[in-house]
């Protein structure tokens, strides 16, 4: 997709939604391309899901602690 600088300024939120969906947007001044709007890479080191953690839960995980019987 290509837009002018003016269109990019007035429709930035809409363009960002399209970029988040996987599109790239060429921004041009007149006929000259000046910038490309693309999705930023994910930050390294941040966990996106819990399933990739090492280890497992013990068999006592679902046991209620003392004093919580009245809540069940």
Protein backbone atom coordinates (compact mmCIF):
# COMPACT_ATOMS: atom_id res chain seq x y z
CA UNK A 1 0.00 0.00 0.00
CA UNK A 2 1.22 3.51 -0.77
CA UNK A 3 0.09 6.79 0.80
CA UNK A 4 1.19 10.40 0.68
CA UNK A 5 2.73 12.15 3.68
CA UNK A 6 -0.53 14.04 4.23
CA UNK A 7 -2.58 10.82 4.17
CA UNK A 8 -0.16 9.21 6.61
CA UNK A 9 -0.50 12.13 9.01
CA UNK A 10 -4.29 12.12 8.97
CA UNK A 11 -4.78 8.32 8.97
CA UNK A 12 -1.93 7.08 11.15
CA UNK A 13 -4.11 4.97 13.47
CA UNK A 14 -5.73 3.16 10.54
CA UNK A 15 -2.35 2.60 8.90
CA UNK A 16 -0.90 1.19 12.12
CA UNK A 17 -3.76 -1.33 12.34
CA UNK A 18 -2.95 -2.48 8.81
CA UNK A 19 0.75 -2.78 9.65
CA UNK A 20 -0.10 -4.80 12.77
CA UNK A 21 -2.08 -7.12 10.48
CA UNK A 22 1.04 -7.76 8.40
CA UNK A 23 0.90 -5.14 5.64
CA UNK A 24 3.66 -2.65 4.88
CA UNK A 25 2.95 0.95 3.90
CA UNK A 26 5.12 3.05 1.59
CA UNK A 27 4.96 6.77 2.40
CA UNK A 28 5.83 9.08 -0.45
CA UNK A 29 6.25 12.79 -0.96
CA UNK A 30 4.83 13.47 -4.39
CA UNK A 31 6.10 10.56 -6.49
CA UNK A 32 9.24 10.04 -4.41
CA UNK A 33 9.14 7.23 -1.79
CA UNK A 34 10.54 8.57 1.50
CA UNK A 35 9.68 5.99 4.19
CA UNK A 36 8.35 2.51 4.78
CA UNK A 37 6.03 1.71 7.67
CA UNK A 38 6.53 -1.92 8.76
CA UNK A 39 5.80 -3.95 11.88
CA UNK A 40 8.52 -3.69 14.52
CA UNK A 41 10.26 -6.93 15.53
CA UNK A 42 9.24 -8.49 18.84
CA UNK A 43 11.46 -7.54 21.75
CA UNK A 44 13.83 -10.38 22.62
CA UNK A 45 13.60 -11.87 26.06
CA UNK A 46 9.91 -11.21 26.61
CA UNK A 47 7.80 -14.32 27.07
CA UNK A 48 4.59 -14.27 25.06
CA UNK A 49 3.15 -17.53 26.46
CA UNK A 50 3.51 -19.55 29.67
CA UNK A 51 3.84 -22.88 27.86
CA UNK A 52 7.50 -22.35 27.01
CA UNK A 53 8.59 -22.26 30.67
CA UNK A 54 10.67 -25.14 31.94
CA UNK A 55 9.44 -27.41 34.72
CA UNK A 56 6.01 -28.55 35.78
CA UNK A 57 3.48 -28.13 38.56
CA UNK A 58 3.60 -30.53 41.49
CA UNK A 59 0.75 -32.91 42.38
CA UNK A 60 -0.24 -30.66 45.31
CA UNK A 61 -0.97 -27.68 43.03
CA UNK A 62 -4.76 -28.04 43.28
CA UNK A 63 -4.81 -28.62 47.07
CA UNK A 64 -6.52 -25.84 49.03
CA UNK A 65 -4.40 -24.07 51.63
CA UNK A 66 -5.50 -24.26 55.27
CA UNK A 67 -8.38 -21.91 56.13
CA UNK A 68 -9.90 -21.73 52.62
CA UNK A 69 -12.53 -24.47 53.06
CA UNK A 70 -15.33 -21.92 53.60
CA UNK A 71 -14.71 -20.45 50.13
CA UNK A 72 -15.50 -23.66 48.26
